[in-house]
Every structure is written in structure tokens, then in C-alpha cells.
Amino acid sequence: MGFFTGKTAIVTGAGSGIGRALALALADAGCAVAITDIVQERLDSVLRELESKGTRAGGYRVDHSRREEVEAFAARFFQEWGRVDILCSNAGVGHGGWYTEMPLEDWEWVLGINLWGAIYMMHYFVPRMIEQGGGSILLTASDAGLVAMPGMTAYNASKYAVVGMGETLRIELSEHNIRVSLLCPGDIDTNIIRDGKVYLYDRKGRSAKPEIEKYYRTRGVPPEVVAEAALRGLERDRAVIVVPWIHHGPLILLRRISPQLYHALMRFALRKGIVHKMFGIQR
């Protein structure tokens, strides 16, 4: 029997992208899967895909930035499913823009979903996982939670916080037989840019969002690659799963070895417009 066979999994934000890929991969590995999303049409579509595989599946519309909705989801889930063996807290949004041009409301929006959404899931599900004697947790962070990138202040802050929470929980929950792994994807071909907010512009004042979308569409790896690495990492109890390594792995290593040198390099890249050109933005 495989590691996933016969287990019950939850994947939040599973209506598209990495969440959808995780849900389908878990079903293929032998899990029953409950999914959430804020967009009903996407939720229904993925639910049909799961059911076509012959797996037990359930879909729940949840706004993970709202405590009362997560609390209600948890109550309904445990009533209908009884237990969760694999909890994938994946719901999140993308955001780009210079700090000086970013509305305070955007901070609340990004942190509300990316950070508080994960906190609420841990708050309402971890105690039950302790009661049942164990399980596995996958927290979707980002490589932007390991290295700071200019033009992504709020997003970086949310993902750094998720990394900090996940690393602490990995230590604390080990005595309860609960594994915790952090999934840190790089540039992935998903809806995160199209659905997110971008306040970056070229020298003519035009939005850079179409060019950034194109960058992720043409250079990003498929979310299925991330899901495959995530399941492998869960089975092997890996602390941090960086995928694909080639995207920002060298920068992650540089920052670990010499934060001073890393910041000097990024300042140089920003000053010379290298970061902008990478995403097709003309300063």
C-alpha cells in the first residue's frame, strides 16, 4: 500500500493552477479529496474531474480570508468526512507593485488570503489532527518566501510569514506525529498573475501585467510538475520543497551563504533594470 492510498485529503484554492494539480495528483495516488475555492465555476469543474476518476470527492465554496467561512467549512467537513490525513493549505493570490504606490487595502487583501487564510486553516484543523493521532500538512508558500524580490513587497511579506509559521509548526507538531512541509514554487504557469493585482508600468505608463502574464505563460513550468514534487516531498517528509530549483535556487543559496552579497546583487539588478527586463517591462 502506498503512502497516500486510502487517505483523506483537503486542498484549498483548488479551482485552478497548483491547487487543481495537487487535488488531481492526490486522487491518482489513492486519496479521497475535498477541495475549496472562491470561484464556484472553477470548483465545479475540478470536482467533475475528480469524480471522473472514481474517487470520493467534495467541493466547498470558501473565502479563506474570512474566519467565519473557514470555521463553518471545518465544522461541515468533519461532520461529513470525519478526519483529514493530508491538509494542503494552498489558497493564495498574487500581487506586484512598488511599496510607495501600493494602497493599504492591498496589504489587507494579500495578507488576508495568503497569511490569515493559512492561519485559519491551521487553527480549525490542527487540533483535530492532533486528536486523531497525526497526519501531514502541506503549506504552499513560494520561493518569494525564501528570497526577497523588488516590486513584490506585500506578496513577499505574506510568504515569508507562511514560511516562518510552517517551520515552527514542523518543530512543534512533530511530537503529535504531524508532518509539516513547505511548498515553495518558482515561476509557474497558473492564473496567479491574471487573477492578481499588478501595479507595475513601462516608461509610457502602460500596465506591465500583460507582459508578466506572457512571461509566466511561456517560461513558467506546468503546475503538474509542482504537484508531483509536492507529493514526493510529502512522502519523504521534506521540510522545504523548492520547485523548480533552477528558477531561483541559486539566489536562495546565495542568500543563505551571504545575505549581504545577495542584497548587493539585487540592488544592482534593480538599478540596472535587469529585474524589469526579465519580465518584459521597459523602464
C-alpha atoms as a PDB file:
ATOM      1  CA  MET A   1       0.000   0.000   0.000  1.00  0.00           C
ATOM      2  CA  GLY A   2       1.348   3.430  -0.968  1.00  0.00           C
ATOM      3  CA  PHE A   3       1.752   6.372   1.377  1.00  0.00           C
ATOM      4  CA  PHE A   4      -1.396   8.094   0.044  1.00  0.00           C
ATOM      5  CA  THR A   5      -3.664   5.090  -0.513  1.00  0.00           C
ATOM      6  CA  GLY A   6      -6.916   5.251   1.416  1.00  0.00           C
ATOM      7  CA  LYS A   7      -6.224   8.648   2.979  1.00  0.00           C
ATOM      8  CA  THR A   8      -8.456  11.722   3.021  1.00  0.00           C
ATOM      9  CA  ALA A   9      -7.006  14.979   1.715  1.00  0.00           C
ATOM     10  CA  ILE A  10      -8.074  18.620   1.650  1.00  0.00           C
ATOM     11  CA  VAL A  11      -6.773  21.066  -0.953  1.00  0.00           C
ATOM     12  CA  THR A  12      -7.718  24.727  -0.589  1.00  0.00           C
ATOM     13  CA  GLY A  13      -7.720  27.046  -3.579  1.00  0.00           C
ATOM     14  CA  ALA A  14      -8.090  24.019  -5.846  1.00  0.00           C
ATOM     15  CA  GLY A  15     -10.100  25.653  -8.622  1.00  0.00           C
ATOM     16  CA  SER A  16      -7.075  26.080 -10.877  1.00  0.00           C
ATOM     17  CA  GLY A  17      -3.290  26.021 -11.058  1.00  0.00           C
ATOM     18  CA  ILE A  18      -1.278  24.308  -8.351  1.00  0.00           C
ATOM     19  CA  GLY A  19      -4.346  23.555  -6.220  1.00  0.00           C
ATOM     20  CA  ARG A  20      -6.092  21.754  -9.069  1.00  0.00           C
ATOM     21  CA  ALA A  21      -2.916  19.819  -9.906  1.00  0.00           C
ATOM     22  CA  LEU A  22      -2.487  18.803  -6.256  1.00  0.00           C
ATOM     23  CA  ALA A  23      -6.088  17.612  -5.998  1.00  0.00           C
ATOM     24  CA  LEU A  24      -5.862  15.504  -9.164  1.00  0.00           C
ATOM     25  CA  ALA A  25      -2.470  14.075  -8.199  1.00  0.00           C
ATOM     26  CA  LEU A  26      -3.734  13.113  -4.740  1.00  0.00           C
ATOM     27  CA  ALA A  27      -6.751  11.404  -6.308  1.00  0.00           C
ATOM     28  CA  ASP A  28      -4.485   9.477  -8.683  1.00  0.00           C
ATOM     29  CA  ALA A  29      -2.359   8.445  -5.690  1.00  0.00           C
ATOM     30  CA  GLY A  30      -5.361   6.908  -3.944  1.00  0.00           C
ATOM     31  CA  CYS A  31      -6.789   9.697  -1.783  1.00  0.00           C
ATOM     32  CA  ALA A  32     -10.348  10.821  -1.281  1.00  0.00           C
ATOM     33  CA  VAL A  33     -10.224  14.585  -1.882  1.00  0.00           C
ATOM     34  CA  ALA A  34     -12.167  17.581  -0.578  1.00  0.00           C
ATOM     35  CA  ILE A  35     -11.478  20.859  -2.359  1.00  0.00           C
ATOM     36  CA  THR A  36     -12.282  24.525  -1.807  1.00  0.00           C
ATOM     37  CA  ASP A  37     -12.247  27.599  -3.999  1.00  0.00           C
ATOM     38  CA  ILE A  38     -13.854  31.018  -4.026  1.00  0.00           C
ATOM     39  CA  VAL A  39     -14.994  30.718  -7.677  1.00  0.00           C
ATOM     40  CA  GLN A  40     -17.900  28.290  -7.914  1.00  0.00           C
ATOM     41  CA  GLU A  41     -17.470  27.553 -11.628  1.00  0.00           C
ATOM     42  CA  ARG A  42     -13.855  26.510 -11.180  1.00  0.00           C
ATOM     43  CA  LEU A  43     -14.756  24.470  -8.132  1.00  0.00           C
ATOM     44  CA  ASP A  44     -17.460  22.594 -10.034  1.00  0.00           C
ATOM     45  CA  SER A  45     -15.115  21.925 -12.961  1.00  0.00           C
ATOM     46  CA  VAL A  46     -12.385  20.370 -10.825  1.00  0.00           C
ATOM     47  CA  LEU A  47     -14.954  18.419  -8.823  1.00  0.00           C
ATOM     48  CA  ARG A  48     -16.177  16.821 -12.058  1.00  0.00           C
ATOM     49  CA  GLU A  49     -12.589  15.907 -12.949  1.00  0.00           C
ATOM     50  CA  LEU A  50     -12.099  14.257  -9.568  1.00  0.00           C
ATOM     51  CA  GLU A  51     -15.367  12.352  -9.759  1.00  0.00           C
ATOM     52  CA  SER A  52     -14.497  11.102 -13.243  1.00  0.00           C
ATOM     53  CA  LYS A  53     -11.524   9.321 -11.659  1.00  0.00           C
ATOM     54  CA  GLY A  54     -13.872   7.345  -9.435  1.00  0.00           C
ATOM     55  CA  THR A  55     -12.548   8.892  -6.244  1.00  0.00           C
ATOM     56  CA  ARG A  56     -14.685  10.213  -3.418  1.00  0.00           C
ATOM     57  CA  ALA A  57     -14.683  13.994  -3.795  1.00  0.00           C
ATOM     58  CA  GLY A  58     -16.401  17.029  -2.323  1.00  0.00           C
ATOM     59  CA  GLY A  59     -16.357  20.706  -3.195  1.00  0.00           C
ATOM     60  CA  TYR A  60     -16.868  23.687  -0.888  1.00  0.00           C
ATOM     61  CA  ARG A  61     -17.007  27.360  -1.783  1.00  0.00           C
ATOM     62  CA  VAL A  62     -14.892  29.153   0.831  1.00  0.00           C
ATOM     63  CA  ASP A  63     -13.403  32.631   1.102  1.00  0.00           C
ATOM     64  CA  HIS A  64     -10.309  31.754   3.124  1.00  0.00           C
ATOM     65  CA  SER A  65      -9.743  35.356   4.183  1.00  0.00           C
ATOM     66  CA  ARG A  66     -12.934  35.197   6.259  1.00  0.00           C
ATOM     67  CA  ARG A  67     -12.601  33.453   9.600  1.00  0.00           C
ATOM     68  CA  GLU A  68     -16.288  32.587   9.872  1.00  0.00           C
ATOM     69  CA  GLU A  69     -16.285  30.846   6.483  1.00  0.00           C
ATOM     70  CA  VAL A  70     -13.260  28.708   7.345  1.00  0.00           C
ATOM     71  CA  GLU A  71     -14.807  27.844  10.707  1.00  0.00           C
ATOM     72  CA  ALA A  72     -18.046  26.813   9.002  1.00  0.00           C
ATOM     73  CA  PHE A  73     -16.138  24.783   6.419  1.00  0.00           C
ATOM     74  CA  ALA A  74     -14.227  22.928   9.149  1.00  0.00           C
ATOM     75  CA  ALA A  75     -17.416  22.073  11.018  1.00  0.00           C
ATOM     76  CA  ARG A  76     -19.124  20.814   7.868  1.00  0.00           C
ATOM     77  CA  PHE A  77     -16.048  18.910   6.712  1.00  0.00           C
ATOM     78  CA  PHE A  78     -15.597  16.942   9.920  1.00  0.00           C
ATOM     79  CA  GLN A  79     -19.308  16.198  10.054  1.00  0.00           C
ATOM     80  CA  GLU A  80     -19.233  14.788   6.525  1.00  0.00           C
ATOM     81  CA  TRP A  81     -15.743  13.274   6.353  1.00  0.00           C
ATOM     82  CA  GLY A  82     -14.701  12.554   9.938  1.00  0.00           C
ATOM     83  CA  ARG A  83     -10.951  13.091   9.576  1.00  0.00           C
ATOM     84  CA  VAL A  84      -8.259  14.619   7.405  1.00  0.00           C
ATOM     85  CA  ASP A  85      -4.952  12.869   6.797  1.00  0.00           C
ATOM     86  CA  ILE A  86      -3.357  15.318   4.350  1.00  0.00           C
ATOM     87  CA  LEU A  87      -4.092  19.030   4.630  1.00  0.00           C
ATOM     88  CA  CYS A  88      -2.904  21.188   1.730  1.00  0.00           C
ATOM     89  CA  SER A  89      -3.330  24.873   2.595  1.00  0.00           C
ATOM     90  CA  ASN A  90      -2.826  26.298  -0.871  1.00  0.00           C
ATOM     91  CA  ALA A  91      -5.277  29.193  -1.395  1.00  0.00           C
ATOM     92  CA  GLY A  92      -3.447  32.391  -2.311  1.00  0.00           C
ATOM     93  CA  VAL A  93      -3.285  35.452  -4.533  1.00  0.00           C
ATOM     94  CA  GLY A  94      -0.554  37.256  -6.451  1.00  0.00           C
ATOM     95  CA  HIS A  95       0.433  40.896  -6.157  1.00  0.00           C
ATOM     96  CA  GLY A  96       3.042  43.151  -7.708  1.00  0.00           C
ATOM     97  CA  GLY A  97       3.852  46.808  -7.223  1.00  0.00           C
ATOM     98  CA  TRP A  98       6.255  49.242  -5.640  1.00  0.00           C
ATOM     99  CA  TYR A  99       5.728  49.818  -1.942  1.00  0.00           C
ATOM    100  CA  THR A 100       5.300  53.581  -2.373  1.00  0.00           C
ATOM    101  CA  GLU A 101       2.442  53.096  -4.840  1.00  0.00           C
ATOM    102  CA  MET A 102       0.556  50.344  -3.044  1.00  0.00           C
ATOM    103  CA  PRO A 103      -2.791  51.092  -1.340  1.00  0.00           C
ATOM    104  CA  LEU A 104      -3.115  49.940   2.257  1.00  0.00           C
ATOM    105  CA  GLU A 105      -6.199  47.970   1.219  1.00  0.00           C
ATOM    106  CA  ASP A 106      -3.967  45.765  -0.913  1.00  0.00           C
ATOM    107  CA  TRP A 107      -1.908  44.814   2.124  1.00  0.00           C
ATOM    108  CA  GLU A 108      -5.128  43.724   3.824  1.00  0.00           C
ATOM    109  CA  TRP A 109      -6.215  41.767   0.746  1.00  0.00           C
ATOM    110  CA  VAL A 110      -2.898  39.924   0.241  1.00  0.00           C
ATOM    111  CA  LEU A 111      -2.289  39.147   3.908  1.00  0.00           C
ATOM    112  CA  GLY A 112      -5.937  38.258   4.419  1.00  0.00           C
ATOM    113  CA  ILE A 113      -5.776  35.405   1.917  1.00  0.00           C
ATOM    114  CA  ASN A 114      -2.114  34.361   1.809  1.00  0.00           C
ATOM    115  CA  LEU A 115      -1.382  34.536   5.528  1.00  0.00           C
ATOM    116  CA  TRP A 116      -4.619  34.671   7.512  1.00  0.00           C
ATOM    117  CA  GLY A 117      -6.133  32.054   5.228  1.00  0.00           C
ATOM    118  CA  ALA A 118      -3.352  29.659   6.238  1.00  0.00           C
ATOM    119  CA  ILE A 119      -3.618  30.653   9.901  1.00  0.00           C
ATOM    120  CA  TYR A 120      -7.370  29.975   9.941  1.00  0.00           C
ATOM    121  CA  MET A 121      -6.865  26.539   8.370  1.00  0.00           C
ATOM    122  CA  MET A 122      -4.257  25.630  10.956  1.00  0.00           C
ATOM    123  CA  HIS A 123      -6.425  26.949  13.788  1.00  0.00           C
ATOM    124  CA  TYR A 124      -9.508  24.925  12.884  1.00  0.00           C
ATOM    125  CA  PHE A 125      -7.893  21.734  11.585  1.00  0.00           C
ATOM    126  CA  VAL A 126      -4.680  21.081  13.537  1.00  0.00           C
ATOM    127  CA  PRO A 127      -6.415  20.343  16.885  1.00  0.00           C
ATOM    128  CA  ARG A 128      -8.496  17.627  15.209  1.00  0.00           C
ATOM    129  CA  MET A 129      -5.380  16.196  13.553  1.00  0.00           C
ATOM    130  CA  ILE A 130      -3.750  16.031  16.988  1.00  0.00           C
ATOM    131  CA  GLU A 131      -6.817  14.241  18.381  1.00  0.00           C
ATOM    132  CA  GLN A 132      -6.775  11.685  15.581  1.00  0.00           C
ATOM    133  CA  GLY A 133      -3.090  10.935  16.180  1.00  0.00           C
ATOM    134  CA  GLY A 134      -1.266  12.541  13.268  1.00  0.00           C
ATOM    135  CA  GLY A 135      -1.267  13.496   9.616  1.00  0.00           C
ATOM    136  CA  SER A 136       0.574  15.574   7.028  1.00  0.00           C
ATOM    137  CA  ILE A 137       0.345  19.303   6.280  1.00  0.00           C
ATOM    138  CA  LEU A 138       1.491  21.000   3.088  1.00  0.00           C
ATOM    139  CA  LEU A 139       1.678  24.798   3.279  1.00  0.00           C
ATOM    140  CA  THR A 140       2.007  26.465  -0.106  1.00  0.00           C
ATOM    141  CA  ALA A 141       4.412  29.367   0.321  1.00  0.00           C
ATOM    142  CA  SER A 142       6.679  30.484  -2.543  1.00  0.00           C
ATOM    143  CA  ASP A 143      10.332  30.923  -3.340  1.00  0.00           C
ATOM    144  CA  ALA A 144       9.373  34.565  -2.698  1.00  0.00           C
ATOM    145  CA  GLY A 145       9.161  33.447   0.924  1.00  0.00           C
ATOM    146  CA  LEU A 146      12.841  32.499   0.809  1.00  0.00           C
ATOM    147  CA  VAL A 147      14.306  35.382  -1.196  1.00  0.00           C
ATOM    148  CA  ALA A 148      13.061  38.974  -1.431  1.00  0.00           C
ATOM    149  CA  MET A 149      12.248  40.291  -4.896  1.00  0.00           C
ATOM    150  CA  PRO A 150      11.675  44.011  -5.635  1.00  0.00           C
ATOM    151  CA  GLY A 151       8.184  45.020  -6.673  1.00  0.00           C
ATOM    152  CA  MET A 152       6.573  42.298  -4.536  1.00  0.00           C
ATOM    153  CA  THR A 153       6.635  43.716  -1.006  1.00  0.00           C
ATOM    154  CA  ALA A 154       3.211  42.547   0.177  1.00  0.00           C
ATOM    155  CA  TYR A 155       3.493  39.176  -1.524  1.00  0.00           C
ATOM    156  CA  ASN A 156       6.993  38.614  -0.134  1.00  0.00           C
ATOM    157  CA  ALA A 157       5.827  39.585   3.355  1.00  0.00           C
ATOM    158  CA  SER A 158       2.902  37.146   3.237  1.00  0.00           C
ATOM    159  CA  LYS A 159       5.014  34.256   2.011  1.00  0.00           C
ATOM    160  CA  TYR A 160       7.915  34.919   4.411  1.00  0.00           C
ATOM    161  CA  ALA A 161       5.329  34.758   7.208  1.00  0.00           C
ATOM    162  CA  VAL A 162       3.950  31.439   5.931  1.00  0.00           C
ATOM    163  CA  VAL A 163       7.491  30.027   5.795  1.00  0.00           C
ATOM    164  CA  GLY A 164       8.119  31.132   9.383  1.00  0.00           C
ATOM    165  CA  MET A 165       4.853  29.631  10.566  1.00  0.00           C
ATOM    166  CA  GLY A 166       5.470  26.381   8.716  1.00  0.00           C
ATOM    167  CA  GLU A 167       8.999  25.915  10.010  1.00  0.00           C
ATOM    168  CA  THR A 168       7.831  26.497  13.586  1.00  0.00           C
ATOM    169  CA  LEU A 169       4.870  24.139  13.228  1.00  0.00           C
ATOM    170  CA  ARG A 170       7.157  21.470  11.787  1.00  0.00           C
ATOM    171  CA  ILE A 171       9.058  21.514  15.075  1.00  0.00           C
ATOM    172  CA  GLU A 172       6.113  21.908  17.451  1.00  0.00           C
ATOM    173  CA  LEU A 173       3.784  19.380  15.824  1.00  0.00           C
ATOM    174  CA  SER A 174       6.390  16.638  15.463  1.00  0.00           C
ATOM    175  CA  GLU A 175       5.543  15.379  18.962  1.00  0.00           C
ATOM    176  CA  HIS A 176       1.968  14.861  17.753  1.00  0.00           C
ATOM    177  CA  ASN A 177       3.046  12.758  14.751  1.00  0.00           C
ATOM    178  CA  ILE A 178       2.115  15.558  12.340  1.00  0.00           C
ATOM    179  CA  ARG A 179       4.449  16.234   9.443  1.00  0.00           C
ATOM    180  CA  VAL A 180       4.693  19.763   8.028  1.00  0.00           C
ATOM    181  CA  SER A 181       6.223  20.567   4.645  1.00  0.00           C
ATOM    182  CA  LEU A 182       6.573  23.929   2.903  1.00  0.00           C
ATOM    183  CA  LEU A 183       5.944  24.054  -0.837  1.00  0.00           C
ATOM    184  CA  CYS A 184       7.934  26.901  -2.422  1.00  0.00           C
ATOM    185  CA  PRO A 185       7.185  27.094  -6.168  1.00  0.00           C
ATOM    186  CA  GLY A 186       9.030  29.367  -8.560  1.00  0.00           C
ATOM    187  CA  ASP A 187       7.540  30.721 -11.793  1.00  0.00           C
ATOM    188  CA  ILE A 188       4.548  28.524 -12.577  1.00  0.00           C
ATOM    189  CA  ASP A 189       2.090  28.724 -15.474  1.00  0.00           C
ATOM    190  CA  THR A 190      -1.089  29.440 -13.488  1.00  0.00           C
ATOM    191  CA  ASN A 191      -3.764  32.144 -13.179  1.00  0.00           C
ATOM    192  CA  ILE A 192      -1.956  33.886 -10.313  1.00  0.00           C
ATOM    193  CA  ILE A 193      -0.975  36.952 -12.357  1.00  0.00           C
ATOM    194  CA  ARG A 194      -4.224  37.224 -14.300  1.00  0.00           C
ATOM    195  CA  ASP A 195      -6.283  36.929 -11.119  1.00  0.00           C
ATOM    196  CA  GLY A 196      -3.919  39.085  -9.057  1.00  0.00           C
ATOM    197  CA  LYS A 197      -3.231  42.792  -8.848  1.00  0.00           C
ATOM    198  CA  VAL A 198      -0.232  44.352 -10.581  1.00  0.00           C
ATOM    199  CA  TYR A 199       0.842  47.987 -10.154  1.00  0.00           C
ATOM    200  CA  LEU A 200       3.878  47.930 -12.426  1.00  0.00           C
ATOM    201  CA  TYR A 201       4.177  50.047 -15.570  1.00  0.00           C
ATOM    202  CA  ASP A 202       6.522  50.631 -18.501  1.00  0.00           C
ATOM    203  CA  ARG A 203       8.083  54.013 -19.335  1.00  0.00           C
ATOM    204  CA  LYS A 204       4.953  55.013 -21.264  1.00  0.00           C
ATOM    205  CA  GLY A 205       2.742  54.348 -18.285  1.00  0.00           C
ATOM    206  CA  ARG A 206       1.198  51.198 -19.706  1.00  0.00           C
ATOM    207  CA  SER A 207       0.415  48.315 -17.381  1.00  0.00           C
ATOM    208  CA  ALA A 208       3.086  45.633 -17.380  1.00  0.00           C
ATOM    209  CA  LYS A 209       0.539  42.966 -16.420  1.00  0.00           C
ATOM    210  CA  PRO A 210       0.139  41.567 -19.985  1.00  0.00           C
ATOM    211  CA  GLU A 211       3.907  41.134 -20.336  1.00  0.00           C
ATOM    212  CA  ILE A 212       4.210  39.485 -16.922  1.00  0.00           C
ATOM    213  CA  GLU A 213       1.332  37.167 -17.811  1.00  0.00           C
ATOM    214  CA  LYS A 214       3.159  36.277 -21.024  1.00  0.00           C
ATOM    215  CA  TYR A 215       6.361  35.602 -19.069  1.00  0.00           C
ATOM    216  CA  TYR A 216       4.621  33.144 -16.747  1.00  0.00           C
ATOM    217  CA  ARG A 217       2.730  31.543 -19.634  1.00  0.00           C
ATOM    218  CA  THR A 218       5.825  30.980 -21.792  1.00  0.00           C
ATOM    219  CA  ARG A 219       8.525  30.395 -19.175  1.00  0.00           C
ATOM    220  CA  GLY A 220       6.606  29.056 -16.219  1.00  0.00           C
ATOM    221  CA  VAL A 221       6.548  25.313 -15.619  1.00  0.00           C
ATOM    222  CA  PRO A 222       3.237  23.396 -15.604  1.00  0.00           C
ATOM    223  CA  PRO A 223       1.546  23.111 -12.182  1.00  0.00           C
ATOM    224  CA  GLU A 224       1.594  19.323 -12.577  1.00  0.00           C
ATOM    225  CA  VAL A 225       5.380  19.459 -12.117  1.00  0.00           C
ATOM    226  CA  VAL A 226       4.832  21.215  -8.786  1.00  0.00           C
ATOM    227  CA  ALA A 227       2.199  18.697  -7.680  1.00  0.00           C
ATOM    228  CA  GLU A 228       4.483  15.771  -8.475  1.00  0.00           C
ATOM    229  CA  ALA A 229       7.316  17.309  -6.438  1.00  0.00           C
ATOM    230  CA  ALA A 230       4.906  18.151  -3.614  1.00  0.00           C
ATOM    231  CA  LEU A 231       3.628  14.586  -3.257  1.00  0.00           C
ATOM    232  CA  ARG A 232       7.165  13.230  -3.403  1.00  0.00           C
ATOM    233  CA  GLY A 233       8.201  15.722  -0.729  1.00  0.00           C
ATOM    234  CA  LEU A 234       5.242  14.844   1.495  1.00  0.00           C
ATOM    235  CA  GLU A 235       6.008  11.144   1.301  1.00  0.00           C
ATOM    236  CA  ARG A 236       9.664  11.773   2.146  1.00  0.00           C
ATOM    237  CA  ASP A 237       8.801  14.305   4.866  1.00  0.00           C
ATOM    238  CA  ARG A 238      10.856  17.081   3.294  1.00  0.00           C
ATOM    239  CA  ALA A 239      10.884  20.352   5.212  1.00  0.00           C
ATOM    240  CA  VAL A 240      11.057  22.683   2.196  1.00  0.00           C
ATOM    241  CA  ILE A 241      10.142  21.747  -1.363  1.00  0.00           C
ATOM    242  CA  VAL A 242      11.591  24.201  -3.890  1.00  0.00           C
ATOM    243  CA  VAL A 243      10.372  23.567  -7.433  1.00  0.00           C
ATOM    244  CA  PRO A 244      11.730  24.081  -9.998  1.00  0.00           C
ATOM    245  CA  TRP A 245      15.125  24.584  -8.394  1.00  0.00           C
ATOM    246  CA  ILE A 246      16.620  26.200 -11.491  1.00  0.00           C
ATOM    247  CA  HIS A 247      14.372  29.283 -11.291  1.00  0.00           C
ATOM    248  CA  HIS A 248      15.614  30.809  -8.055  1.00  0.00           C
ATOM    249  CA  GLY A 249      17.628  28.055  -6.392  1.00  0.00           C
ATOM    250  CA  PRO A 250      20.968  29.826  -6.977  1.00  0.00           C
ATOM    251  CA  LEU A 251      19.584  33.015  -5.389  1.00  0.00           C
ATOM    252  CA  ILE A 252      18.297  31.027  -2.412  1.00  0.00           C
ATOM    253  CA  LEU A 253      21.744  29.511  -1.918  1.00  0.00           C
ATOM    254  CA  LEU A 254      23.434  32.902  -2.284  1.00  0.00           C
ATOM    255  CA  ARG A 255      21.165  34.466   0.317  1.00  0.00           C
ATOM    256  CA  ARG A 256      21.885  31.636   2.750  1.00  0.00           C
ATOM    257  CA  ILE A 257      25.632  31.949   2.245  1.00  0.00           C
ATOM    258  CA  SER A 258      25.842  35.743   2.219  1.00  0.00           C
ATOM    259  CA  PRO A 259      22.751  37.926   2.766  1.00  0.00           C
ATOM    260  CA  GLN A 260      24.963  40.995   2.271  1.00  0.00           C
ATOM    261  CA  LEU A 261      26.088  39.841  -1.163  1.00  0.00           C
ATOM    262  CA  TYR A 262      22.561  38.845  -2.133  1.00  0.00           C
ATOM    263  CA  HIS A 263      21.171  42.284  -1.311  1.00  0.00           C
ATOM    264  CA  ALA A 264      24.028  43.987  -3.136  1.00  0.00           C
ATOM    265  CA  LEU A 265      23.292  41.868  -6.222  1.00  0.00           C
ATOM    266  CA  MET A 266      19.567  42.613  -6.145  1.00  0.00           C
ATOM    267  CA  ARG A 267      20.178  46.345  -5.688  1.00  0.00           C
ATOM    268  CA  PHE A 268      22.478  46.273  -8.719  1.00  0.00           C
ATOM    269  CA  ALA A 269      19.891  44.342 -10.761  1.00  0.00           C
ATOM    270  CA  LEU A 270      17.188  46.825  -9.787  1.00  0.00           C
ATOM    271  CA  ARG A 271      19.369  49.841 -10.575  1.00  0.00           C
ATOM    272  CA  LYS A 272      20.297  48.471 -14.000  1.00  0.00           C
ATOM    273  CA  GLY A 273      16.731  47.486 -14.848  1.00  0.00           C
ATOM    274  CA  ILE A 274      17.619  43.787 -15.075  1.00  0.00           C
ATOM    275  CA  VAL A 275      14.655  42.753 -12.939  1.00  0.00           C
ATOM    276  CA  HIS A 276      12.299  44.742 -15.165  1.00  0.00           C
ATOM    277  CA  LYS A 277      13.679  43.298 -18.385  1.00  0.00           C
ATOM    278  CA  MET A 278      13.296  39.742 -17.075  1.00  0.00           C
ATOM    279  CA  PHE A 279       9.527  40.289 -17.006  1.00  0.00           C
ATOM    280  CA  GLY A 280       9.439  42.314 -20.221  1.00  0.00           C
ATOM    281  CA  ILE A 281       8.986  45.690 -18.520  1.00  0.00           C
ATOM    282  CA  GLN A 282      10.680  48.621 -20.231  1.00  0.00           C
ATOM    283  CA  ARG A 283      11.706  51.336 -17.762  1.00  0.00           C
END
